[in-house]
Structures are given as C-alpha cells and as structure tokens.
Amino acid sequence: MTVNFGRAADDYAKYRDPLPDALFDQLAERGIEWKGKSVVDLGSGTGLFSR
C-alpha cells in the first residue's frame, strides 16, 4: 500500500478554517515575524505558517 499524504494535505487545507488575521497581528506585536526567515514546519498539517 502506498501512502500519499499530499492528497490528505490538500483536503485538510481545503476544509480547514483559515487562521484569523488577529493571530498574526498579535504575533507581530510580540516581535514574532517570519518574513525573510527560513522556518521548519513539522507535523503541522498543511504547513500554513511556513507559507
């Protein structure tokens, strides 16, 4: 049996609620910023934060 997580990830991304903009505003207020940085997003569904 071949497992293809890509198909599961596509469905996960399609049906998962988006993260609220307020979350990113609150992270920025705390000095947490990802622009221009390399990140690793392991075991976290669709990898939304690394996009």
N, C-alpha and C. Protein backbone atom coordinates (compact mmCIF):
# COMPACT_ATOMS: atom_id res chain seq x y z
N MET A 1 0.85 -1.19 0.00
CA MET A 1 0.00 0.00 0.00
C MET A 1 0.89 1.24 0.00
N THR A 2 0.59 2.18 -0.88
CA THR A 2 1.34 3.42 -0.97
C THR A 2 0.54 4.53 -0.28
N VAL A 3 1.20 5.25 0.59
CA VAL A 3 0.57 6.36 1.29
C VAL A 3 0.97 7.65 0.59
N ASN A 4 -0.01 8.49 0.31
CA ASN A 4 0.24 9.78 -0.32
C ASN A 4 -0.36 10.86 0.56
N PHE A 5 0.46 11.44 1.43
CA PHE A 5 -0.04 12.48 2.32
C PHE A 5 -0.45 13.73 1.56
N GLY A 6 0.10 13.91 0.34
CA GLY A 6 -0.26 15.08 -0.45
C GLY A 6 -1.75 15.21 -0.66
N ARG A 7 -2.41 14.10 -0.93
CA ARG A 7 -3.87 14.13 -1.12
C ARG A 7 -4.58 14.51 0.17
N ALA A 8 -4.13 13.94 1.28
CA ALA A 8 -4.74 14.26 2.57
C ALA A 8 -4.51 15.72 2.93
N ALA A 9 -3.31 16.22 2.64
CA ALA A 9 -2.99 17.61 2.96
C ALA A 9 -3.85 18.57 2.13
N ASP A 10 -4.10 18.21 0.88
CA ASP A 10 -4.96 19.06 0.05
C ASP A 10 -6.36 19.17 0.64
N ASP A 11 -6.92 18.04 1.08
CA ASP A 11 -8.25 18.07 1.71
C ASP A 11 -8.21 18.83 3.03
N TYR A 12 -7.16 18.63 3.78
CA TYR A 12 -7.02 19.33 5.06
C TYR A 12 -7.02 20.84 4.83
N ALA A 13 -6.26 21.29 3.84
CA ALA A 13 -6.19 22.73 3.54
C ALA A 13 -7.52 23.25 3.00
N LYS A 14 -8.20 22.42 2.24
CA LYS A 14 -9.46 22.84 1.62
C LYS A 14 -10.56 23.07 2.65
N TYR A 15 -10.62 22.21 3.67
CA TYR A 15 -11.73 22.27 4.62
C TYR A 15 -11.39 22.90 5.97
N ARG A 16 -10.14 23.19 6.20
CA ARG A 16 -9.73 23.78 7.48
C ARG A 16 -10.05 25.28 7.45
N ASP A 17 -10.55 25.80 8.56
CA ASP A 17 -10.80 27.23 8.66
C ASP A 17 -9.46 27.97 8.58
N PRO A 18 -9.43 29.12 7.93
CA PRO A 18 -8.18 29.90 7.88
C PRO A 18 -7.87 30.48 9.26
N LEU A 19 -6.62 30.73 9.48
CA LEU A 19 -6.23 31.36 10.74
C LEU A 19 -6.64 32.83 10.70
N PRO A 20 -7.11 33.36 11.81
CA PRO A 20 -7.56 34.76 11.82
C PRO A 20 -6.39 35.74 11.71
N ASP A 21 -6.63 36.85 11.03
CA ASP A 21 -5.61 37.89 10.91
C ASP A 21 -5.14 38.38 12.27
N ALA A 22 -6.04 38.37 13.25
CA ALA A 22 -5.69 38.83 14.59
C ALA A 22 -4.53 38.02 15.17
N LEU A 23 -4.46 36.74 14.84
CA LEU A 23 -3.34 35.91 15.34
C LEU A 23 -2.02 36.47 14.86
N PHE A 24 -1.94 36.81 13.58
CA PHE A 24 -0.69 37.33 13.03
C PHE A 24 -0.39 38.73 13.58
N ASP A 25 -1.42 39.52 13.82
CA ASP A 25 -1.22 40.83 14.44
C ASP A 25 -0.65 40.68 15.85
N GLN A 26 -1.19 39.74 16.60
CA GLN A 26 -0.72 39.52 17.97
C GLN A 26 0.72 38.99 17.99
N LEU A 27 1.05 38.13 17.07
CA LEU A 27 2.43 37.63 16.99
C LEU A 27 3.38 38.76 16.64
N ALA A 28 2.98 39.61 15.70
CA ALA A 28 3.82 40.75 15.31
C ALA A 28 4.02 41.71 16.48
N GLU A 29 2.98 41.91 17.28
CA GLU A 29 3.10 42.78 18.46
C GLU A 29 4.14 42.24 19.45
N ARG A 30 4.34 40.94 19.43
CA ARG A 30 5.32 40.30 20.32
C ARG A 30 6.69 40.15 19.65
N GLY A 31 6.83 40.74 18.47
CA GLY A 31 8.12 40.70 17.79
C GLY A 31 8.37 39.41 17.02
N ILE A 32 7.33 38.61 16.82
CA ILE A 32 7.48 37.35 16.09
C ILE A 32 7.14 37.61 14.63
N GLU A 33 8.12 37.50 13.77
CA GLU A 33 7.95 37.82 12.35
C GLU A 33 8.65 36.75 11.53
N TRP A 34 8.03 36.31 10.44
CA TRP A 34 8.62 35.26 9.61
C TRP A 34 9.15 35.77 8.29
N LYS A 35 8.81 36.96 7.89
CA LYS A 35 9.25 37.45 6.58
C LYS A 35 10.77 37.45 6.50
N GLY A 36 11.28 36.86 5.43
CA GLY A 36 12.71 36.83 5.21
C GLY A 36 13.45 35.80 6.03
N LYS A 37 12.74 34.94 6.75
CA LYS A 37 13.38 33.93 7.58
C LYS A 37 13.07 32.54 7.03
N SER A 38 13.97 31.62 7.32
CA SER A 38 13.73 30.23 6.99
C SER A 38 13.08 29.57 8.19
N VAL A 39 12.08 28.73 7.94
CA VAL A 39 11.40 28.04 9.02
C VAL A 39 11.21 26.57 8.67
N VAL A 40 11.02 25.77 9.69
CA VAL A 40 10.66 24.37 9.50
C VAL A 40 9.32 24.18 10.19
N ASP A 41 8.38 23.64 9.46
CA ASP A 41 7.02 23.45 9.96
C ASP A 41 6.74 21.95 9.93
N LEU A 42 7.09 21.25 11.01
CA LEU A 42 6.98 19.79 11.06
C LEU A 42 5.72 19.35 11.78
N GLY A 43 5.04 18.39 11.22
CA GLY A 43 3.89 17.80 11.88
C GLY A 43 2.77 18.79 12.15
N SER A 44 2.55 19.69 11.22
CA SER A 44 1.55 20.73 11.49
C SER A 44 0.58 20.88 10.34
N GLY A 45 0.06 19.77 9.89
CA GLY A 45 -0.98 19.82 8.87
C GLY A 45 -0.48 20.32 7.53
N THR A 46 -1.03 21.43 7.07
CA THR A 46 -0.74 21.93 5.72
C THR A 46 0.52 22.77 5.65
N GLY A 47 1.14 23.09 6.75
CA GLY A 47 2.32 23.94 6.73
C GLY A 47 1.98 25.40 6.53
N LEU A 48 0.83 25.80 7.03
CA LEU A 48 0.33 27.15 6.84
C LEU A 48 1.33 28.22 7.28
N PHE A 49 1.98 28.01 8.40
CA PHE A 49 2.91 29.03 8.90
C PHE A 49 4.16 29.16 8.03
N SER A 50 4.57 28.08 7.40
CA SER A 50 5.77 28.16 6.57
C SER A 50 5.50 28.76 5.20
N ARG A 51 4.24 28.89 4.83
CA ARG A 51 3.92 29.56 3.56
C ARG A 51 4.11 31.02 3.76
